Amino acid sequence: MRLPIFFAKRYLFSKKSVNAINVISLISVIGVLISSAALVIVLSFYNGMENLILSLYSTFAPELRIAPTEGKVFSTNTAIFQELRKDNLIQSYTEVLEDKVLVEYENHQFIAQVKGVEPQSLLAVNHENMLYAGDFNILEHNNPYAIIGAQVQANLRVSLEGINNHIQLFSPRKGGSVNSVNPMEEINIRNIAPRGILQYQQGFDNLIITPIDFARDLLNEHSKISAIEIYTKDPAKVEQLKNTIQKKLGKDFSVKNREQQNPLLYKTIRSEKWIVFFILTVIGIIAIFNIIGSLTMLVIDKKEDMRVLESLGANKTLIQRIFFYEGVMIAFIGGVVGNILGLLFCLFQERFGFIRTADGANTIMDVYPVDIRAMDFVLVFITIMVFATLVSYLAAKLSVREIKPEN
């Protein structure tokens, strides 16, 4: 064992002549410990919330979405799209036609986004978590039905009950004349009965999902579509399929995964996590500065020992390393124990869920979710050790400088 480490270990664990030094050293360890544990716990909780939010968004967003890079609609009457529909990696493939429409129900009006899809696509993938009420059967005995978003339902107060319970959709007729004597003749008006209500999800709460044939008739668009939405059989192969499709379609189309469909959501969630990490790291650095006080008091307490070492031939560098290694040991102990305590806390929360949301205040989750990731522990430990090493070096250098040889 190297001599500086030997002395540092003895000084850290031996009883000091002044009991306050033991207390200060313990406070330094506890400060690093609490900082490490807090960082680990907060990162794990943010991971859990990130997974929860993204899982809710993922329920509504397709795994892949194909759209034109220019314009709003395109034709799929080509061999590429016909082959794509038959791809063995695809579980659900649907053409989509969507646009803004005016919705009216019992003298209440609302601007919504009608989205026409192939009816069987809603049944090919488990979408049950999307529904607040009703079902996904939007085509029954050749009769079209609609699934409406939460905001549409809230604003129009639409009920799913009743025999003649229909909503009216209004869309300007393409190619119509603006000089028509009766402007209503240039507007397509269609009635449809609501069959289900979507759970609230920002970005999807103004949707009205209908069979694509109904949307074609309403929007007067019989040959082109707005997008293609795809779900895969194996989520692990989404990126592989995305790259393959993009290569085949070229620059005229964009193929986006879920993150690319809503980059703001993903960036916001991740940036919030690292902002909190930065704030807690600053607080942790303040706690690490306790090491300066601990080493300064220890140097004063061991001043006579240092003079003895100097008389035996030890130079300032060796003495400085003794106190530097002690500061590093304090941070190491605090960091390791803090990580362990943080891990245990997260495991208990994951197993027993003792930190809960208020009863009845949240229908999405009853307990705060956690997601334990090994890289978070490594990041926290490295962060603590880097700052502790810098502080220990500074403290050791300044403290040892004050030791003056006796005349």
Protein backbone atom coordinates (compact mmCIF):
# COMPACT_ATOMS: atom_id res chain seq x y z
CA MET A 1 0.00 0.00 0.00
CA ARG A 2 1.35 3.40 -0.92
CA LEU A 3 2.42 5.51 2.01
CA PRO A 4 0.04 8.48 1.43
CA ILE A 5 -2.95 6.13 1.14
CA PHE A 6 -1.87 4.31 4.30
CA PHE A 7 -1.75 7.55 6.30
CA ALA A 8 -5.01 8.81 4.75
CA LYS A 9 -6.80 5.62 5.75
CA ARG A 10 -5.46 5.77 9.30
CA TYR A 11 -6.38 9.44 9.71
CA LEU A 12 -9.89 8.89 8.30
CA PHE A 13 -10.85 6.04 10.63
CA SER A 14 -8.72 6.79 13.72
CA LYS A 15 -9.98 8.82 16.64
CA LYS A 16 -8.85 12.45 16.50
CA SER A 17 -7.64 14.45 19.45
CA VAL A 18 -10.45 16.93 18.88
CA ASN A 19 -13.83 15.17 18.67
CA ALA A 20 -15.28 17.94 16.47
CA ILE A 21 -13.05 16.75 13.62
CA ASN A 22 -14.75 13.32 13.72
CA VAL A 23 -18.11 15.06 13.55
CA ILE A 24 -17.04 17.27 10.62
CA SER A 25 -15.69 14.26 8.72
CA LEU A 26 -18.95 12.38 9.33
CA ILE A 27 -20.92 15.40 8.13
CA SER A 28 -18.82 15.46 4.95
CA VAL A 29 -19.56 11.78 4.28
CA ILE A 30 -23.27 12.27 4.99
CA GLY A 31 -23.39 15.33 2.70
CA VAL A 32 -21.93 13.37 -0.22
CA LEU A 33 -24.14 10.38 0.65
CA ILE A 34 -27.36 12.39 0.61
CA SER A 35 -26.40 14.18 -2.60
CA SER A 36 -25.66 10.87 -4.36
CA ALA A 37 -28.85 9.22 -3.12
CA ALA A 38 -30.97 12.24 -4.07
CA LEU A 39 -29.53 12.34 -7.60
CA VAL A 40 -30.12 8.62 -8.11
CA ILE A 41 -33.67 8.77 -6.78
CA VAL A 42 -34.67 11.85 -8.78
CA LEU A 43 -33.22 10.46 -12.02
CA SER A 44 -35.02 7.14 -11.48
CA PHE A 45 -38.32 8.91 -10.81
CA TYR A 46 -37.89 11.05 -13.92
CA ASN A 47 -37.13 7.91 -15.92
CA GLY A 48 -40.40 6.43 -14.66
CA MET A 49 -42.37 9.55 -15.56
CA GLU A 50 -40.68 9.67 -18.96
CA ASN A 51 -41.68 6.08 -19.66
CA LEU A 52 -45.24 6.77 -18.51
CA ILE A 53 -45.70 9.89 -20.65
CA LEU A 54 -44.11 8.34 -23.72
CA SER A 55 -46.16 5.17 -23.31
CA LEU A 56 -49.34 7.25 -23.29
CA TYR A 57 -48.20 9.07 -26.42
CA SER A 58 -47.11 5.79 -28.02
CA THR A 59 -50.60 4.41 -27.56
CA PHE A 60 -51.92 7.07 -29.94
CA ALA A 61 -48.99 7.53 -32.34
CA PRO A 62 -48.13 4.86 -34.93
CA GLU A 63 -44.67 3.31 -34.87
CA LEU A 64 -44.01 4.65 -38.37
CA ARG A 65 -45.73 7.34 -40.38
CA ILE A 66 -45.13 7.99 -44.09
CA ALA A 67 -46.01 11.42 -45.44
CA PRO A 68 -44.99 13.50 -48.49
CA THR A 69 -42.16 15.99 -48.01
CA GLU A 70 -44.09 18.50 -50.14
CA GLY A 71 -47.82 18.96 -50.33
CA LYS A 72 -50.61 17.47 -48.21
CA VAL A 73 -51.68 14.42 -50.22
CA PHE A 74 -50.14 11.78 -52.46
CA SER A 75 -51.11 8.75 -54.49
CA THR A 76 -50.33 5.18 -53.45
CA ASN A 77 -51.14 3.69 -56.85
CA THR A 78 -47.58 2.39 -57.31
CA ALA A 79 -45.89 -0.99 -56.94
CA ILE A 80 -43.76 0.22 -54.00
CA PHE A 81 -46.77 0.80 -51.75
CA GLN A 82 -48.46 -2.42 -52.85
CA GLU A 83 -45.32 -4.37 -51.90
CA LEU A 84 -45.01 -2.48 -48.63
CA ARG A 85 -48.53 -3.49 -47.59
CA LYS A 86 -47.49 -7.15 -47.93
CA ASP A 87 -44.26 -6.80 -45.91
CA ASN A 88 -43.93 -9.62 -43.34
CA LEU A 89 -42.60 -7.22 -40.68
CA ILE A 90 -45.81 -5.17 -40.70
CA GLN A 91 -48.70 -6.01 -38.40
CA SER A 92 -50.97 -3.10 -39.28
CA TYR A 93 -50.91 -0.93 -42.41
CA THR A 94 -53.46 1.76 -43.05
CA GLU A 95 -53.87 4.61 -45.46
CA VAL A 96 -54.92 7.83 -43.75
CA LEU A 97 -56.82 10.84 -45.06
CA GLU A 98 -57.19 13.79 -42.71
CA ASP A 99 -58.09 17.44 -42.72
CA LYS A 100 -59.78 20.13 -40.65
CA VAL A 101 -63.58 20.13 -40.52
CA LEU A 102 -66.34 21.96 -38.71
CA VAL A 103 -68.34 19.74 -36.34
CA GLU A 104 -71.83 20.57 -35.10
CA TYR A 105 -73.93 18.83 -32.47
CA GLU A 106 -77.12 20.28 -30.96
CA ASN A 107 -76.16 23.87 -31.89
CA HIS A 108 -72.63 23.47 -30.49
CA GLN A 109 -69.75 23.84 -32.96
CA PHE A 110 -66.09 22.89 -32.87
CA ILE A 111 -63.15 22.78 -35.32
CA ALA A 112 -61.80 19.23 -35.36
CA GLN A 113 -59.44 17.03 -37.34
CA VAL A 114 -61.20 14.25 -39.20
CA LYS A 115 -58.99 11.23 -39.70
CA GLY A 116 -60.10 8.52 -42.07
CA VAL A 117 -58.46 5.11 -41.56
CA GLU A 118 -58.98 1.59 -42.79
CA PRO A 119 -61.41 0.11 -40.21
CA GLN A 120 -59.58 -3.22 -39.85
CA SER A 121 -56.37 -1.41 -38.82
CA LEU A 122 -57.94 -0.39 -35.50
CA LEU A 123 -58.61 -4.02 -34.70
CA ALA A 124 -55.24 -5.38 -35.88
CA VAL A 125 -53.36 -3.74 -32.99
CA ASN A 126 -54.37 -3.52 -29.34
CA HIS A 127 -55.63 0.06 -29.00
CA GLU A 128 -57.87 -0.52 -26.00
CA ASN A 129 -55.86 1.89 -23.81
CA MET A 130 -56.85 4.68 -26.21
CA LEU A 131 -60.55 4.40 -25.43
CA TYR A 132 -62.37 6.14 -22.61
CA ALA A 133 -65.70 4.66 -23.65
CA GLY A 134 -67.25 2.72 -26.53
CA ASP A 135 -65.39 0.47 -28.98
CA PHE A 136 -63.29 0.57 -32.15
CA ASN A 137 -65.80 -0.98 -34.55
CA ILE A 138 -66.22 2.02 -36.87
CA LEU A 139 -67.80 0.05 -39.73
CA GLU A 140 -70.73 -2.24 -39.05
CA HIS A 141 -73.07 -3.59 -41.77
CA ASN A 142 -71.55 -0.98 -44.13
CA ASN A 143 -72.64 1.78 -41.75
CA PRO A 144 -69.78 4.16 -40.75
CA TYR A 145 -69.25 5.27 -37.16
CA ALA A 146 -66.88 7.74 -35.54
CA ILE A 147 -64.54 7.76 -32.58
CA ILE A 148 -64.20 11.26 -31.18
CA GLY A 149 -61.45 12.88 -29.16
CA ALA A 150 -61.86 14.01 -25.56
CA GLN A 151 -61.87 17.70 -26.44
CA VAL A 152 -64.47 17.21 -29.15
CA GLN A 153 -66.71 15.39 -26.71
CA ALA A 154 -66.19 18.00 -23.98
CA ASN A 155 -66.96 20.98 -26.23
CA LEU A 156 -69.93 19.47 -28.04
CA ARG A 157 -71.21 17.41 -25.10
CA VAL A 158 -71.73 14.44 -27.39
CA SER A 159 -73.44 11.38 -25.98
CA LEU A 160 -72.91 7.84 -27.20
CA GLU A 161 -76.49 6.93 -26.33
CA GLY A 162 -79.53 7.37 -28.56
CA ILE A 163 -80.81 5.98 -31.86
CA ASN A 164 -80.43 9.16 -33.95
CA ASN A 165 -77.45 10.51 -32.11
CA HIS A 166 -75.40 11.98 -34.99
CA ILE A 167 -72.82 14.70 -35.38
CA GLN A 168 -72.65 16.84 -38.51
CA LEU A 169 -69.33 17.37 -40.31
CA PHE A 170 -68.81 20.30 -42.69
CA SER A 171 -65.99 20.52 -45.25
CA PRO A 172 -65.52 22.92 -48.19
CA ARG A 173 -66.02 21.19 -51.53
CA LYS A 174 -62.83 21.16 -53.58
CA GLY A 175 -63.10 23.04 -56.84
CA GLY A 176 -66.22 24.85 -55.70
CA SER A 177 -67.08 28.36 -56.88
CA VAL A 178 -66.73 31.17 -54.35
CA ASN A 179 -69.32 33.19 -56.28
CA SER A 180 -72.11 30.67 -55.80
CA VAL A 181 -75.51 32.16 -54.96
CA ASN A 182 -75.94 29.66 -52.15
CA PRO A 183 -72.56 29.13 -50.36
CA MET A 184 -73.91 26.04 -48.61
CA GLU A 185 -73.99 24.27 -51.97
CA GLU A 186 -70.16 24.40 -51.96
CA ILE A 187 -69.90 22.63 -48.61
CA ASN A 188 -70.04 18.90 -48.06
CA ILE A 189 -72.22 18.00 -45.09
CA ARG A 190 -72.21 14.47 -43.71
CA ASN A 191 -73.75 12.89 -40.62
CA ILE A 192 -72.12 10.17 -38.58
CA ALA A 193 -72.88 8.51 -35.26
CA PRO A 194 -70.19 8.46 -32.55
CA ARG A 195 -69.17 4.97 -31.47
CA GLY A 196 -66.41 5.71 -28.96
CA ILE A 197 -64.53 8.41 -27.05
CA LEU A 198 -60.75 8.61 -26.88
CA GLN A 199 -58.81 9.07 -23.69
CA TYR A 200 -57.40 12.57 -23.30
CA GLN A 201 -54.01 12.92 -24.95
CA GLN A 202 -52.59 16.26 -26.01
CA GLY A 203 -52.32 16.45 -29.78
CA PHE A 204 -54.97 13.79 -30.33
CA ASP A 205 -57.91 15.18 -28.35
CA ASN A 206 -59.41 17.01 -31.36
CA LEU A 207 -59.59 13.91 -33.57
CA ILE A 208 -62.62 12.37 -35.19
CA ILE A 209 -61.64 8.92 -36.48
CA THR A 210 -63.86 7.57 -39.27
CA PRO A 211 -63.62 4.90 -42.00
CA ILE A 212 -61.45 6.20 -44.83
CA ASP A 213 -64.25 5.88 -47.38
CA PHE A 214 -66.39 8.21 -45.29
CA ALA A 215 -63.50 10.69 -45.07
CA ARG A 216 -62.96 10.52 -48.84
CA ASP A 217 -66.61 11.35 -49.44
CA LEU A 218 -66.59 14.18 -46.88
CA LEU A 219 -63.33 15.75 -48.06
CA ASN A 220 -64.02 15.05 -51.73
CA GLU A 221 -60.64 13.35 -52.11
CA HIS A 222 -61.14 9.98 -53.83
CA SER A 223 -57.71 9.13 -55.21
CA LYS A 224 -55.09 10.44 -52.81
CA ILE A 225 -54.27 10.16 -49.10
CA SER A 226 -52.48 12.20 -46.44
CA ALA A 227 -50.26 9.54 -44.86
CA ILE A 228 -49.63 5.87 -44.21
CA GLU A 229 -49.45 4.60 -40.63
CA ILE A 230 -47.64 1.39 -39.75
CA TYR A 231 -47.35 -0.88 -36.72
CA THR A 232 -44.72 -3.62 -36.76
CA LYS A 233 -44.83 -7.16 -35.46
CA ASP A 234 -41.50 -6.68 -33.66
CA PRO A 235 -40.90 -3.19 -32.14
CA ALA A 236 -37.17 -3.93 -32.05
CA LYS A 237 -37.13 -3.83 -35.86
CA VAL A 238 -38.84 -0.45 -36.25
CA GLU A 239 -35.62 1.40 -37.14
CA GLN A 240 -34.60 -1.33 -39.58
CA LEU A 241 -37.96 -1.12 -41.35
CA LYS A 242 -37.89 2.68 -41.28
CA ASN A 243 -34.51 2.83 -43.01
CA THR A 244 -35.58 0.25 -45.59
CA ILE A 245 -38.78 2.12 -46.45
CA GLN A 246 -37.01 5.47 -46.59
CA LYS A 247 -34.42 4.07 -48.97
CA LYS A 248 -37.12 2.70 -51.29
CA LEU A 249 -39.28 5.85 -51.29
CA GLY A 250 -36.47 8.36 -51.63
CA LYS A 251 -36.53 12.09 -50.89
CA ASP A 252 -40.13 12.63 -51.96
CA PHE A 253 -41.38 11.04 -48.73
CA SER A 254 -40.46 11.25 -45.06
CA VAL A 255 -40.67 8.18 -42.85
CA LYS A 256 -40.85 9.13 -39.17
CA ASN A 257 -40.76 7.08 -35.99
CA ARG A 258 -42.60 8.18 -32.87
CA GLU A 259 -39.84 10.46 -31.64
CA GLN A 260 -39.62 12.21 -35.00
CA GLN A 261 -43.39 12.62 -35.15
CA ASN A 262 -43.34 14.65 -31.94
CA PRO A 263 -39.75 15.81 -31.27
CA LEU A 264 -40.85 18.59 -28.92
CA LEU A 265 -42.39 16.13 -26.46
CA TYR A 266 -39.27 13.96 -26.33
CA LYS A 267 -36.91 16.93 -26.07
CA THR A 268 -38.99 18.54 -23.32
CA ILE A 269 -39.09 15.40 -21.19
CA ARG A 270 -35.37 14.77 -21.52
CA SER A 271 -34.35 18.40 -20.98
CA GLU A 272 -36.42 18.60 -17.79
CA LYS A 273 -34.61 15.57 -16.41
CA TRP A 274 -31.16 17.04 -17.03
CA ILE A 275 -32.14 20.48 -15.74
CA VAL A 276 -33.15 18.89 -12.43
CA PHE A 277 -29.94 16.83 -12.49
CA PHE A 278 -27.91 20.02 -12.94
CA ILE A 279 -29.71 21.78 -10.06
CA LEU A 280 -29.19 18.84 -7.70
CA THR A 281 -25.56 18.56 -8.81
CA VAL A 282 -24.98 22.19 -7.79
CA ILE A 283 -26.50 21.42 -4.40
CA GLY A 284 -24.29 18.34 -4.19
CA ILE A 285 -21.20 20.42 -4.95
CA ILE A 286 -22.06 22.67 -2.03
CA ALA A 287 -22.23 19.58 0.18
CA ILE A 288 -18.89 18.39 -1.21
CA PHE A 289 -17.28 21.62 -0.06
CA ASN A 290 -17.66 20.29 3.48
CA ILE A 291 -14.58 18.28 2.62
CA ILE A 292 -12.54 21.50 2.72
CA GLY A 293 -13.53 22.11 6.33
CA SER A 294 -12.88 18.51 7.26
CA LEU A 295 -9.39 18.46 5.71
CA THR A 296 -8.49 21.87 7.14
CA MET A 297 -9.39 20.78 10.66
CA LEU A 298 -7.51 17.50 10.18
CA VAL A 299 -4.37 19.34 9.03
CA ILE A 300 -4.49 21.48 12.16
CA ASP A 301 -5.00 18.40 14.32
CA LYS A 302 -2.12 16.48 12.68
CA LYS A 303 0.29 19.37 12.36
CA GLU A 304 2.79 17.76 14.73
CA ASP A 305 2.64 14.50 12.75
CA MET A 306 3.40 16.39 9.59
CA ARG A 307 6.46 17.99 11.13
CA VAL A 308 7.68 14.57 12.20
CA LEU A 309 7.20 13.28 8.64
CA GLU A 310 9.10 16.27 7.29
CA SER A 311 11.96 15.58 9.66
CA LEU A 312 12.02 12.00 8.34
CA GLY A 313 12.39 13.29 4.78
CA ALA A 314 8.82 13.66 3.61
CA ASN A 315 8.28 16.57 1.25
CA LYS A 316 5.26 18.82 0.84
CA THR A 317 3.96 16.77 -2.08
CA LEU A 318 3.76 13.56 -0.05
CA ILE A 319 2.00 15.32 2.83
CA GLN A 320 -0.39 16.96 0.39
CA ARG A 321 -1.27 13.58 -1.10
CA ILE A 322 -2.19 12.22 2.35
CA PHE A 323 -4.96 14.76 2.78
CA PHE A 324 -5.92 14.62 -0.89
CA TYR A 325 -6.50 10.86 -0.65
CA GLU A 326 -8.50 11.33 2.53
CA GLY A 327 -10.85 13.75 0.76
CA VAL A 328 -11.23 11.27 -2.11
CA MET A 329 -11.97 8.48 0.39
CA ILE A 330 -14.67 10.61 2.02
CA ALA A 331 -16.30 11.18 -1.39
CA PHE A 332 -15.90 7.52 -2.38
CA ILE A 333 -17.58 6.22 0.78
CA GLY A 334 -20.37 8.78 0.52
CA GLY A 335 -20.87 8.10 -3.19
CA VAL A 336 -20.98 4.31 -2.86
CA VAL A 337 -23.26 4.29 0.18
CA GLY A 338 -25.46 6.98 -1.38
CA ASN A 339 -25.88 4.95 -4.56
CA ILE A 340 -26.75 1.86 -2.55
CA LEU A 341 -29.33 3.73 -0.45
CA GLY A 342 -30.78 5.34 -3.58
CA LEU A 343 -31.05 1.93 -5.24
CA LEU A 344 -32.78 0.43 -2.19
CA PHE A 345 -35.21 3.36 -2.04
CA CYS A 346 -36.09 2.92 -5.74
CA LEU A 347 -36.48 -0.84 -5.36
CA PHE A 348 -38.83 -0.38 -2.39
CA GLN A 349 -40.84 2.19 -4.35
CA GLU A 350 -41.02 -0.15 -7.33
CA ARG A 351 -42.05 -3.09 -5.13
CA PHE A 352 -44.34 -1.47 -2.56
CA GLY A 353 -45.20 1.94 -4.08
CA PHE A 354 -45.20 3.77 -0.76
CA ILE A 355 -45.03 7.19 -2.46
CA ARG A 356 -48.48 7.56 -3.96
CA THR A 357 -50.51 10.22 -5.69
CA ALA A 358 -53.49 11.69 -3.86
CA ASP A 359 -56.49 9.37 -3.79
CA GLY A 360 -58.73 10.07 -6.75
CA ALA A 361 -56.50 12.89 -8.04
CA ASN A 362 -54.97 10.94 -10.88
CA THR A 363 -56.60 8.22 -12.94
CA ILE A 364 -53.43 7.49 -14.91
CA MET A 365 -51.25 6.33 -12.02
CA ASP A 366 -51.76 5.47 -8.37
CA VAL A 367 -48.07 5.49 -7.40
CA TYR A 368 -45.13 7.43 -8.74
CA PRO A 369 -43.31 5.22 -11.27
CA VAL A 370 -39.56 4.57 -11.17
CA ASP A 371 -37.20 3.19 -13.78
CA ILE A 372 -33.79 2.12 -12.50
CA ARG A 373 -31.04 2.55 -15.11
CA ALA A 374 -27.45 1.49 -14.50
CA MET A 375 -26.03 4.43 -16.45
CA ASP A 376 -27.65 6.87 -14.02
CA PHE A 377 -25.74 5.31 -11.13
CA VAL A 378 -22.49 5.45 -13.07
CA LEU A 379 -23.13 9.08 -14.04
CA VAL A 380 -23.93 10.11 -10.46
CA PHE A 381 -20.87 8.36 -9.05
CA ILE A 382 -18.53 9.85 -11.67
CA THR A 383 -20.00 13.34 -11.17
CA ILE A 384 -19.56 13.15 -7.40
CA MET A 385 -16.02 11.78 -7.66
CA VAL A 386 -14.89 14.36 -10.24
CA PHE A 387 -16.01 17.34 -8.16
CA ALA A 388 -14.84 15.74 -4.91
CA THR A 389 -11.40 15.10 -6.42
CA LEU A 390 -11.08 18.73 -7.49
CA VAL A 391 -12.22 20.01 -4.11
CA SER A 392 -9.93 17.59 -2.26
CA TYR A 393 -6.92 18.65 -4.33
CA LEU A 394 -7.64 22.33 -3.70
CA ALA A 395 -8.26 21.78 0.02
CA ALA A 396 -5.13 19.66 0.50
CA LYS A 397 -2.92 22.11 -1.34
CA LEU A 398 -4.16 25.16 0.56
CA SER A 399 -4.19 23.46 3.96
CA VAL A 400 -0.73 21.92 3.74
CA ARG A 401 0.70 25.26 2.58
CA GLU A 402 -0.10 26.64 6.04
CA ILE A 403 2.16 24.09 7.74
CA LYS A 404 5.38 25.88 8.59
CA PRO A 405 8.48 24.24 9.97
CA GLU A 406 9.38 24.99 13.54
CA ASN A 407 12.36 27.32 14.07
